Amino acid sequence: MLAAPFSTAFWTCYLCGGISDLMDGALARRLKTQSAAGAKLDSVADLFFAAAIAVFAMQWWNWPGERIARNIPYIQAGQLDRIE
């Protein structure tokens, strides 16, 4: 693991990943350099990002997979207070 869970380094990496994900699509559209391959790669990156969050949460909180699946949207949005 690169950073301790919920440490400043963790949140910095998490936020930088999210911001760069938003910016790359907007930048590609603005520069008219978007491609089908880029769109697919972005979707794959989003899938891996969500999977990494799920694996992290299952290990950190010892949750069963079903509970993780219900809470992924809250975890991705950083709304940890809404987790069931």
N, C-alpha and C. Protein backbone atom coordinates (compact mmCIF):
# COMPACT_ATOMS: atom_id res chain seq x y z
N MET A 1 0.85 -1.17 0.00
CA MET A 1 0.00 0.00 0.00
C MET A 1 0.90 1.24 0.00
N LEU A 2 0.55 2.20 -0.80
CA LEU A 2 1.36 3.40 -0.93
C LEU A 2 1.15 4.40 0.20
N ALA A 3 -0.04 4.45 0.76
CA ALA A 3 -0.34 5.42 1.81
C ALA A 3 -1.24 4.77 2.84
N ALA A 4 -1.10 5.19 4.08
CA ALA A 4 -1.96 4.69 5.14
C ALA A 4 -3.40 5.08 4.85
N PRO A 5 -4.35 4.20 5.15
CA PRO A 5 -5.75 4.50 4.87
C PRO A 5 -6.21 5.80 5.54
N PHE A 6 -6.86 6.63 4.76
CA PHE A 6 -7.44 7.89 5.19
C PHE A 6 -6.43 8.90 5.71
N SER A 7 -5.16 8.71 5.36
CA SER A 7 -4.13 9.69 5.73
C SER A 7 -4.18 10.84 4.73
N THR A 8 -3.42 11.87 5.00
CA THR A 8 -3.34 13.00 4.08
C THR A 8 -2.82 12.56 2.72
N ALA A 9 -1.83 11.67 2.73
CA ALA A 9 -1.28 11.16 1.46
C ALA A 9 -2.35 10.38 0.68
N PHE A 10 -3.15 9.59 1.38
CA PHE A 10 -4.23 8.83 0.73
C PHE A 10 -5.21 9.78 0.05
N TRP A 11 -5.70 10.77 0.80
CA TRP A 11 -6.69 11.69 0.23
C TRP A 11 -6.10 12.53 -0.89
N THR A 12 -4.82 12.88 -0.79
CA THR A 12 -4.17 13.63 -1.86
C THR A 12 -4.14 12.81 -3.14
N CYS A 13 -3.74 11.55 -3.04
CA CYS A 13 -3.71 10.67 -4.21
C CYS A 13 -5.11 10.45 -4.77
N TYR A 14 -6.07 10.24 -3.89
CA TYR A 14 -7.45 10.00 -4.30
C TYR A 14 -8.01 11.21 -5.05
N LEU A 15 -7.83 12.38 -4.49
CA LEU A 15 -8.34 13.60 -5.13
C LEU A 15 -7.62 13.90 -6.44
N CYS A 16 -6.31 13.70 -6.47
CA CYS A 16 -5.56 13.93 -7.72
C CYS A 16 -6.03 12.97 -8.80
N GLY A 17 -6.29 11.73 -8.44
CA GLY A 17 -6.80 10.76 -9.41
C GLY A 17 -8.15 11.17 -9.96
N GLY A 18 -9.04 11.63 -9.08
CA GLY A 18 -10.36 12.06 -9.51
C GLY A 18 -10.32 13.31 -10.37
N ILE A 19 -9.51 14.27 -9.97
CA ILE A 19 -9.40 15.51 -10.74
C ILE A 19 -8.80 15.25 -12.12
N SER A 20 -7.75 14.42 -12.16
CA SER A 20 -7.14 14.14 -13.46
C SER A 20 -8.10 13.37 -14.36
N ASP A 21 -8.96 12.53 -13.77
CA ASP A 21 -9.95 11.81 -14.57
C ASP A 21 -10.95 12.77 -15.19
N LEU A 22 -11.36 13.77 -14.42
CA LEU A 22 -12.29 14.77 -14.96
C LEU A 22 -11.63 15.63 -16.03
N MET A 23 -10.39 16.02 -15.77
CA MET A 23 -9.71 16.94 -16.67
C MET A 23 -9.33 16.31 -18.00
N ASP A 24 -8.95 15.03 -18.01
CA ASP A 24 -8.49 14.45 -19.27
C ASP A 24 -9.60 14.39 -20.32
N GLY A 25 -10.80 14.06 -19.90
CA GLY A 25 -11.92 14.02 -20.84
C GLY A 25 -12.29 15.40 -21.35
N ALA A 26 -12.34 16.35 -20.44
CA ALA A 26 -12.67 17.72 -20.83
C ALA A 26 -11.60 18.30 -21.76
N LEU A 27 -10.36 18.02 -21.45
CA LEU A 27 -9.27 18.52 -22.28
C LEU A 27 -9.30 17.88 -23.67
N ALA A 28 -9.56 16.59 -23.73
CA ALA A 28 -9.63 15.91 -25.03
C ALA A 28 -10.77 16.47 -25.88
N ARG A 29 -11.92 16.74 -25.26
CA ARG A 29 -13.04 17.31 -26.01
C ARG A 29 -12.72 18.73 -26.47
N ARG A 30 -12.10 19.50 -25.61
CA ARG A 30 -11.78 20.89 -25.95
C ARG A 30 -10.77 20.97 -27.10
N LEU A 31 -9.78 20.08 -27.07
CA LEU A 31 -8.76 20.06 -28.12
C LEU A 31 -9.16 19.21 -29.33
N LYS A 32 -10.37 18.64 -29.23
CA LYS A 32 -10.90 17.77 -30.30
C LYS A 32 -9.94 16.62 -30.62
N THR A 33 -9.43 16.01 -29.56
CA THR A 33 -8.51 14.88 -29.73
C THR A 33 -9.07 13.60 -29.12
N GLN A 34 -10.39 13.59 -28.84
CA GLN A 34 -10.97 12.39 -28.27
C GLN A 34 -10.99 11.27 -29.31
N SER A 35 -10.94 10.04 -28.80
CA SER A 35 -10.97 8.87 -29.68
C SER A 35 -11.75 7.76 -29.00
N ALA A 36 -12.16 6.79 -29.80
CA ALA A 36 -12.87 5.64 -29.25
C ALA A 36 -11.97 4.88 -28.28
N ALA A 37 -10.70 4.75 -28.64
CA ALA A 37 -9.75 4.05 -27.77
C ALA A 37 -9.58 4.79 -26.44
N GLY A 38 -9.50 6.11 -26.49
CA GLY A 38 -9.37 6.91 -25.28
C GLY A 38 -10.59 6.77 -24.38
N ALA A 39 -11.78 6.75 -24.99
CA ALA A 39 -13.01 6.59 -24.22
C ALA A 39 -13.04 5.22 -23.54
N LYS A 40 -12.62 4.20 -24.26
CA LYS A 40 -12.58 2.86 -23.66
C LYS A 40 -11.55 2.78 -22.54
N LEU A 41 -10.38 3.38 -22.76
CA LEU A 41 -9.36 3.38 -21.72
C LEU A 41 -9.84 4.12 -20.47
N ASP A 42 -10.57 5.21 -20.67
CA ASP A 42 -11.10 5.96 -19.53
C ASP A 42 -12.10 5.11 -18.76
N SER A 43 -12.95 4.37 -19.46
CA SER A 43 -13.91 3.50 -18.80
C SER A 43 -13.21 2.38 -18.03
N VAL A 44 -12.17 1.83 -18.62
CA VAL A 44 -11.40 0.78 -17.95
C VAL A 44 -10.73 1.34 -16.70
N ALA A 45 -10.17 2.54 -16.81
CA ALA A 45 -9.53 3.18 -15.66
C ALA A 45 -10.55 3.42 -14.55
N ASP A 46 -11.76 3.86 -14.91
CA ASP A 46 -12.81 4.06 -13.91
C ASP A 46 -13.18 2.75 -13.22
N LEU A 47 -13.24 1.67 -13.99
CA LEU A 47 -13.55 0.36 -13.43
C LEU A 47 -12.47 -0.07 -12.43
N PHE A 48 -11.21 0.10 -12.81
CA PHE A 48 -10.12 -0.27 -11.91
C PHE A 48 -10.12 0.59 -10.65
N PHE A 49 -10.44 1.88 -10.81
CA PHE A 49 -10.51 2.79 -9.67
C PHE A 49 -11.59 2.33 -8.69
N ALA A 50 -12.77 2.00 -9.21
CA ALA A 50 -13.86 1.53 -8.37
C ALA A 50 -13.51 0.19 -7.71
N ALA A 51 -12.87 -0.70 -8.47
CA ALA A 51 -12.48 -2.00 -7.92
C ALA A 51 -11.45 -1.83 -6.81
N ALA A 52 -10.50 -0.92 -7.01
CA ALA A 52 -9.49 -0.68 -5.98
C ALA A 52 -10.13 -0.14 -4.71
N ILE A 53 -11.11 0.73 -4.85
CA ILE A 53 -11.82 1.25 -3.69
C ILE A 53 -12.55 0.12 -2.97
N ALA A 54 -13.20 -0.75 -3.74
CA ALA A 54 -13.93 -1.87 -3.14
C ALA A 54 -13.00 -2.81 -2.39
N VAL A 55 -11.88 -3.15 -3.00
CA VAL A 55 -10.92 -4.05 -2.35
C VAL A 55 -10.37 -3.40 -1.10
N PHE A 56 -10.02 -2.14 -1.18
CA PHE A 56 -9.51 -1.41 -0.02
C PHE A 56 -10.53 -1.44 1.12
N ALA A 57 -11.76 -1.13 0.81
CA ALA A 57 -12.79 -1.06 1.84
C ALA A 57 -13.05 -2.44 2.45
N MET A 58 -13.06 -3.48 1.62
CA MET A 58 -13.27 -4.82 2.16
C MET A 58 -12.15 -5.21 3.12
N GLN A 59 -10.94 -4.85 2.79
CA GLN A 59 -9.82 -5.17 3.67
C GLN A 59 -9.83 -4.30 4.92
N TRP A 60 -10.14 -3.03 4.77
CA TRP A 60 -10.07 -2.10 5.89
C TRP A 60 -11.18 -2.36 6.91
N TRP A 61 -12.42 -2.57 6.42
CA TRP A 61 -13.55 -2.71 7.32
C TRP A 61 -14.04 -4.14 7.48
N ASN A 62 -13.37 -5.10 6.81
CA ASN A 62 -13.78 -6.50 6.86
C ASN A 62 -15.25 -6.68 6.47
N TRP A 63 -15.64 -6.03 5.39
CA TRP A 63 -17.02 -6.10 4.93
C TRP A 63 -17.21 -7.24 3.95
N PRO A 64 -18.40 -7.83 3.92
CA PRO A 64 -18.71 -8.79 2.86
C PRO A 64 -18.93 -8.04 1.54
N GLY A 65 -18.69 -8.71 0.43
CA GLY A 65 -18.79 -8.09 -0.89
C GLY A 65 -20.12 -7.42 -1.18
N GLU A 66 -21.21 -8.00 -0.70
CA GLU A 66 -22.55 -7.43 -0.95
C GLU A 66 -22.67 -6.04 -0.33
N ARG A 67 -22.15 -5.88 0.85
CA ARG A 67 -22.21 -4.58 1.52
C ARG A 67 -21.36 -3.55 0.79
N ILE A 68 -20.22 -3.99 0.29
CA ILE A 68 -19.36 -3.10 -0.49
C ILE A 68 -20.09 -2.61 -1.72
N ALA A 69 -20.73 -3.53 -2.43
CA ALA A 69 -21.41 -3.17 -3.67
C ALA A 69 -22.45 -2.08 -3.43
N ARG A 70 -23.16 -2.17 -2.31
CA ARG A 70 -24.18 -1.14 -2.00
C ARG A 70 -23.55 0.21 -1.69
N ASN A 71 -22.34 0.21 -1.16
CA ASN A 71 -21.73 1.45 -0.68
C ASN A 71 -20.69 2.07 -1.60
N ILE A 72 -20.40 1.45 -2.73
CA ILE A 72 -19.39 1.99 -3.64
C ILE A 72 -19.70 3.44 -4.05
N PRO A 73 -20.94 3.79 -4.37
CA PRO A 73 -21.19 5.20 -4.74
C PRO A 73 -20.82 6.18 -3.63
N TYR A 74 -21.08 5.82 -2.37
CA TYR A 74 -20.73 6.70 -1.26
C TYR A 74 -19.22 6.80 -1.09
N ILE A 75 -18.55 5.66 -1.26
CA ILE A 75 -17.10 5.64 -1.11
C ILE A 75 -16.46 6.48 -2.21
N GLN A 76 -16.92 6.30 -3.45
CA GLN A 76 -16.37 7.08 -4.57
C GLN A 76 -16.59 8.57 -4.38
N ALA A 77 -17.73 8.93 -3.83
CA ALA A 77 -18.05 10.35 -3.65
C ALA A 77 -17.42 10.92 -2.39
N GLY A 78 -16.73 10.07 -1.61
CA GLY A 78 -16.12 10.55 -0.38
C GLY A 78 -17.12 10.82 0.73
N GLN A 79 -18.33 10.28 0.59
CA GLN A 79 -19.37 10.49 1.59
C GLN A 79 -19.35 9.33 2.60
N LEU A 80 -18.26 9.24 3.34
CA LEU A 80 -18.05 8.13 4.25
C LEU A 80 -19.07 8.11 5.39
N ASP A 81 -19.68 9.25 5.70
CA ASP A 81 -20.68 9.29 6.76
C ASP A 81 -21.99 8.61 6.35
N ARG A 82 -22.19 8.35 5.05
CA ARG A 82 -23.42 7.72 4.56
C ARG A 82 -23.29 6.20 4.40
N ILE A 83 -22.10 5.67 4.68
CA ILE A 83 -21.88 4.23 4.53
C ILE A 83 -22.71 3.47 5.55
N GLU A 84 -23.35 2.41 5.07
CA GLU A 84 -24.19 1.57 5.95
C GLU A 84 -23.33 0.55 6.65
